[in-house]
C-alpha atoms as a PDB file:
ATOM      1  CA  MET A   1      -6.215   1.012   8.320  1.00  0.00           C
ATOM      2  CA  THR A   2      -4.363   4.251   7.639  1.00  0.00           C
ATOM      3  CA  TYR A   3      -4.479   6.480   4.578  1.00  0.00           C
ATOM      4  CA  ASN A   4      -1.808   9.122   3.925  1.00  0.00           C
ATOM      5  CA  VAL A   5      -2.345  11.606   1.119  1.00  0.00           C
ATOM      6  CA  ASP A   6       0.301  13.968  -0.300  1.00  0.00           C
ATOM      7  CA  THR A   7       2.618  13.788   2.723  1.00  0.00           C
ATOM      8  CA  PRO A   8       6.427  14.040   2.900  1.00  0.00           C
ATOM      9  CA  LEU A   9       6.422  10.419   4.096  1.00  0.00           C
ATOM     10  CA  LEU A  10       5.496   9.358   0.566  1.00  0.00           C
ATOM     11  CA  ALA A  11       8.799  10.546  -0.922  1.00  0.00           C
ATOM     12  CA  GLY A  12      10.781   8.118   1.230  1.00  0.00           C
ATOM     13  CA  MET A  13       8.359   5.297   0.661  1.00  0.00           C
ATOM     14  CA  MET A  14       8.405   5.874  -3.107  1.00  0.00           C
ATOM     15  CA  ALA A  15      12.165   5.360  -3.096  1.00  0.00           C
ATOM     16  CA  ALA A  16      11.812   2.107  -1.165  1.00  0.00           C
ATOM     17  CA  PHE A  17       8.923   0.809  -3.279  1.00  0.00           C
ATOM     18  CA  SER A  18      10.646   1.599  -6.582  1.00  0.00           C
ATOM     19  CA  THR A  19      13.822  -0.339  -5.790  1.00  0.00           C
ATOM     20  CA  PRO A  20      13.522  -4.128  -6.222  1.00  0.00           C
ATOM     21  CA  GLU A  21      16.226  -4.733  -3.604  1.00  0.00           C
ATOM     22  CA  MET A  22      14.341  -2.697  -0.985  1.00  0.00           C
ATOM     23  CA  GLN A  23      11.060  -4.388  -1.893  1.00  0.00           C
ATOM     24  CA  ALA A  24      12.676  -7.779  -1.345  1.00  0.00           C
ATOM     25  CA  LEU A  25      13.853  -6.696   2.117  1.00  0.00           C
ATOM     26  CA  MET A  26      10.434  -5.305   3.066  1.00  0.00           C
ATOM     27  CA  GLY A  27       8.449  -8.413   2.109  1.00  0.00           C
ATOM     28  CA  PRO A  28       6.687 -10.142  -0.762  1.00  0.00           C
ATOM     29  CA  GLN A  29       4.561  -8.139  -3.181  1.00  0.00           C
ATOM     30  CA  VAL A  30       0.864  -9.054  -3.371  1.00  0.00           C
ATOM     31  CA  GLU A  31      -1.603  -7.787  -6.017  1.00  0.00           C
ATOM     32  CA  LEU A  32      -5.108  -7.164  -4.659  1.00  0.00           C
ATOM     33  CA  ASN A  33      -7.904  -5.284  -6.452  1.00  0.00           C
ATOM     34  CA  GLY A  34      -5.512  -3.435  -8.723  1.00  0.00           C
ATOM     35  CA  LEU A  35      -3.192  -2.366  -5.903  1.00  0.00           C
ATOM     36  CA  SER A  36       0.305  -3.679  -5.258  1.00  0.00           C
ATOM     37  CA  PHE A  37       0.833  -4.297  -1.532  1.00  0.00           C
ATOM     38  CA  ILE A  38       4.034  -5.138   0.314  1.00  0.00           C
ATOM     39  CA  ASP A  39       3.100  -7.903   2.765  1.00  0.00           C
ATOM     40  CA  GLN A  40       5.049  -7.541   6.015  1.00  0.00           C
ATOM     41  CA  THR A  41       3.014 -10.126   7.975  1.00  0.00           C
ATOM     42  CA  SER A  42       1.728  -7.625  10.580  1.00  0.00           C
ATOM     43  CA  ALA A  43       1.038  -4.938   7.961  1.00  0.00           C
ATOM     44  CA  MET A  44       0.292  -4.537   4.267  1.00  0.00           C
ATOM     45  CA  THR A  45       1.222  -1.268   2.549  1.00  0.00           C
ATOM     46  CA  ALA A  46       0.414   0.004  -0.941  1.00  0.00           C
ATOM     47  CA  LEU A  47       1.357   3.201  -2.747  1.00  0.00           C
ATOM     48  CA  VAL A  48      -1.250   4.561  -5.146  1.00  0.00           C
ATOM     49  CA  ASP A  49      -0.181   6.781  -8.048  1.00  0.00           C
ATOM     50  CA  GLY A  50       2.689   8.221  -6.005  1.00  0.00           C
ATOM     51  CA  ARG A  51       0.311  10.408  -4.000  1.00  0.00           C
ATOM     52  CA  LEU A  52      -1.523   8.117  -1.601  1.00  0.00           C
ATOM     53  CA  MET A  53      -0.380   5.395   0.793  1.00  0.00           C
ATOM     54  CA  VAL A  54      -2.660   2.879   2.474  1.00  0.00           C
ATOM     55  CA  THR A  55      -1.480   0.679   5.345  1.00  0.00           C
ATOM     56  CA  VAL A  56      -3.474  -2.105   6.964  1.00  0.00           C
ATOM     57  CA  ASN A  57      -2.047  -3.113  10.384  1.00  0.00           C
ATOM     58  CA  GLY A  58      -2.993  -5.830  12.829  1.00  0.00           C
ATOM     59  CA  SER A  59      -1.921  -8.929  14.684  1.00  0.00           C
ATOM     60  CA  ASP A  60      -3.683 -11.538  12.513  1.00  0.00           C
ATOM     61  CA  PRO A  61      -2.304 -11.841   8.959  1.00  0.00           C
ATOM     62  CA  ALA A  62      -5.558 -13.405   7.661  1.00  0.00           C
ATOM     63  CA  THR A  63      -7.615 -10.464   8.931  1.00  0.00           C
ATOM     64  CA  ILE A  64      -5.118  -7.967   7.514  1.00  0.00           C
ATOM     65  CA  ARG A  65      -5.396  -9.621   4.100  1.00  0.00           C
ATOM     66  CA  LYS A  66      -9.223  -9.622   4.216  1.00  0.00           C
ATOM     67  CA  LEU A  67      -9.242  -5.913   5.011  1.00  0.00           C
ATOM     68  CA  ALA A  68      -6.759  -5.204   2.208  1.00  0.00           C
ATOM     69  CA  GLU A  69      -8.889  -7.254  -0.204  1.00  0.00           C
ATOM     70  CA  ALA A  70     -11.910  -5.098   0.685  1.00  0.00           C
ATOM     71  CA  ILE A  71     -10.231  -1.915  -0.612  1.00  0.00           C
ATOM     72  CA  ASP A  72     -11.623  -0.747  -3.948  1.00  0.00           C
ATOM     73  CA  GLY A  73      -8.409  -0.096  -5.881  1.00  0.00           C
ATOM     74  CA  ALA A  74     -10.121   1.734  -8.764  1.00  0.00           C
ATOM     75  CA  ALA A  75     -12.017   4.054  -6.415  1.00  0.00           C
ATOM     76  CA  LEU A  76      -8.871   4.744  -4.418  1.00  0.00           C
ATOM     77  CA  LYS A  77      -6.942   5.623  -7.592  1.00  0.00           C
ATOM     78  CA  ALA A  78      -9.748   8.012  -8.613  1.00  0.00           C
ATOM     79  CA  PHE A  79      -9.874   9.704  -5.192  1.00  0.00           C
ATOM     80  CA  ASP A  80      -8.740  13.297  -5.511  1.00  0.00           C
ATOM     81  CA  ALA A  81      -6.948  12.467  -8.760  1.00  0.00           C
ATOM     82  CA  PRO A  82      -5.533  15.435 -10.697  1.00  0.00           C
ATOM     83  CA  ARG A  83      -7.843  16.496 -13.503  1.00  0.00           C
END
């Protein structure tokens, strides 16, 4: 599991995640614990409030999904949120 916070990588990913055509190419969208993940079989990626990206990687899709389901979406959204 990888977390990226306020990195230049997010700008490119935001463009891809905000375009329905790009989302369709990247994989189906899955809602888990208040987060919207792109399911790419060997990875699930979610952008949080345009400032944080979480990626769960692995070789077993069932394990990847279980790990993604364990993420507390509300706590992640509150992490280092602007006040």
